[in-house]
Amino acid sequence: MAAVVLAVLLLGLPLCVAGLVLQTEQARTSVQVRADAVLAAASSRLATGRPVDRALLEEHTQRDGRWPASVVVDLPDGTTVEAGPDRASSAVVGRAGTADGLAVSVTAARGSLWAADAQLVVLVVGLAAGAVAAGSAVGLVQGRRLVRPLEDLADRAERLGSGQVPTTPPPSGVEEVDSVAQALVRSAQQLQARLAVERQFASDASHQLRTPLTALSMRLEEVLATTTQPAVAAEAQVALEQVERLSGVVDDLLARARLQASTPREPLALAGVLEQQREEWRPAYERARRELAVDVPSPAARVVAGAGPLAQALAVLLENSLVHGGGTTSVSVRTSSERGGDWVVLEVSDAGPGVPEDLGGRIFERSVSGASGTGLGLPLARDLITAEGGRLELARTHPATFAVFLRAAP
């Protein structure tokens, strides 16, 4: 449409200007021809002794119907003969005369010239509107021809995002769109094959882990049942809880690897998870002569998340604080209504040196670590929280504060 409008402007405007100039020149030629004709007729009459009267001039006022004109003849004896409309509104004048004092003036009315100019402008505008309408129709047809294959391609890409492998579409007639559609199908098949391999690996690994975890759980239960020392019993109980939590994580991974339809999450009480993490990490903090302050909320504080993934993510944050932080590590709970939803926010902070400035924007990238660690803990924790419908963010760098946003249970 822009190209059509530009073409119409580049052609229509010069055409209109040229037409207006041509009409003005035609009007000048017309009045000049009539002035010469009146001069010849008047000279002939004067030569034969006949008078130059108004009737003679009237013949030339309407001689050219497009340009009605007034005619004025100044005779050698000083008299003047006029015919036609008032000369006050003249626009184009044609003059002729002889040496003996005979003078003729023919003037075309301004209104007639304006009317002719208006007709020309209307004609050019009509042609331009017709050209724009034709271009619009062609553009609409071509647009529909291109948009339909693109909409189908977008729909196939949407199905690919939901896990479905799109079939090869029929030819659309647009070579570029067909090429993109075929590339999308090939990419979808490759992704499907890779996902199948990864799911098989996850399923095999999870299945292999279940056997030693079950054996370890049985040994811990046996120790717990036979020991008479309270300290050993307490440590065995903590270890048994950790093994059970790890078994739950493995079962969850196995279920996802098998593509089982996940049942809706039951509301999870935060108090139980936070108490479990406090009891699990308190001995390690005491050995490091550090304090762990956990703000355990009321049982009414519930979130939509799994206990295993949440506990594992919190364990990563507490371990990072123990290794890289300093002072008291605090775990607090608050609510938030940002981003169009109700959130429960867990903040883990300490009084240590904080996160280096050069790592602040890359702290969740894999293999990025501020010390000798692997750099996999925080990315894994973020993935776990994201899979539960929440998010993990670095709220502040000094002191280091990590915020876990979880959907509040209704």
Foldseek 3Di string as FASTA:
>chain_A
DVVLLVVLCVPLVVVLVVVLVVLVVVLQVLQQVLQVVLQVVCVVCVVVVHHDAQVSQVCSQCVDVLFRKKKWKQDLVGDIYIDGDDCPQFDHWHKDDDPSGIIMIITTGPVSSVVVSVVSNVVSVVVSVVSVVVVVVVVVVVVVLVVVLVVVLVVQVVVLVVPDQDDQDDDSVDVVSSVVSVVSNVVSVVVVVVLLVVLVVLLVVLVVVLVVLVVLLVVLVVCLVPDPDPVSNVVSVLVNVVSVLVNVVSVVSNCVSVVHDDDFADWDFQLVLQVNLCVNCVVVCVVVVAAEAEDRDDSVFTFRADSSLVSLLVVLLVVCCSVQFDHYWYWDWDWDCPPNAIKIKIKIWHQGPFDDPVCQVPLLPACDDPDPDRSPNNVSSQVSLVVSVWGWHFPDGRGTMIMTITGTDD
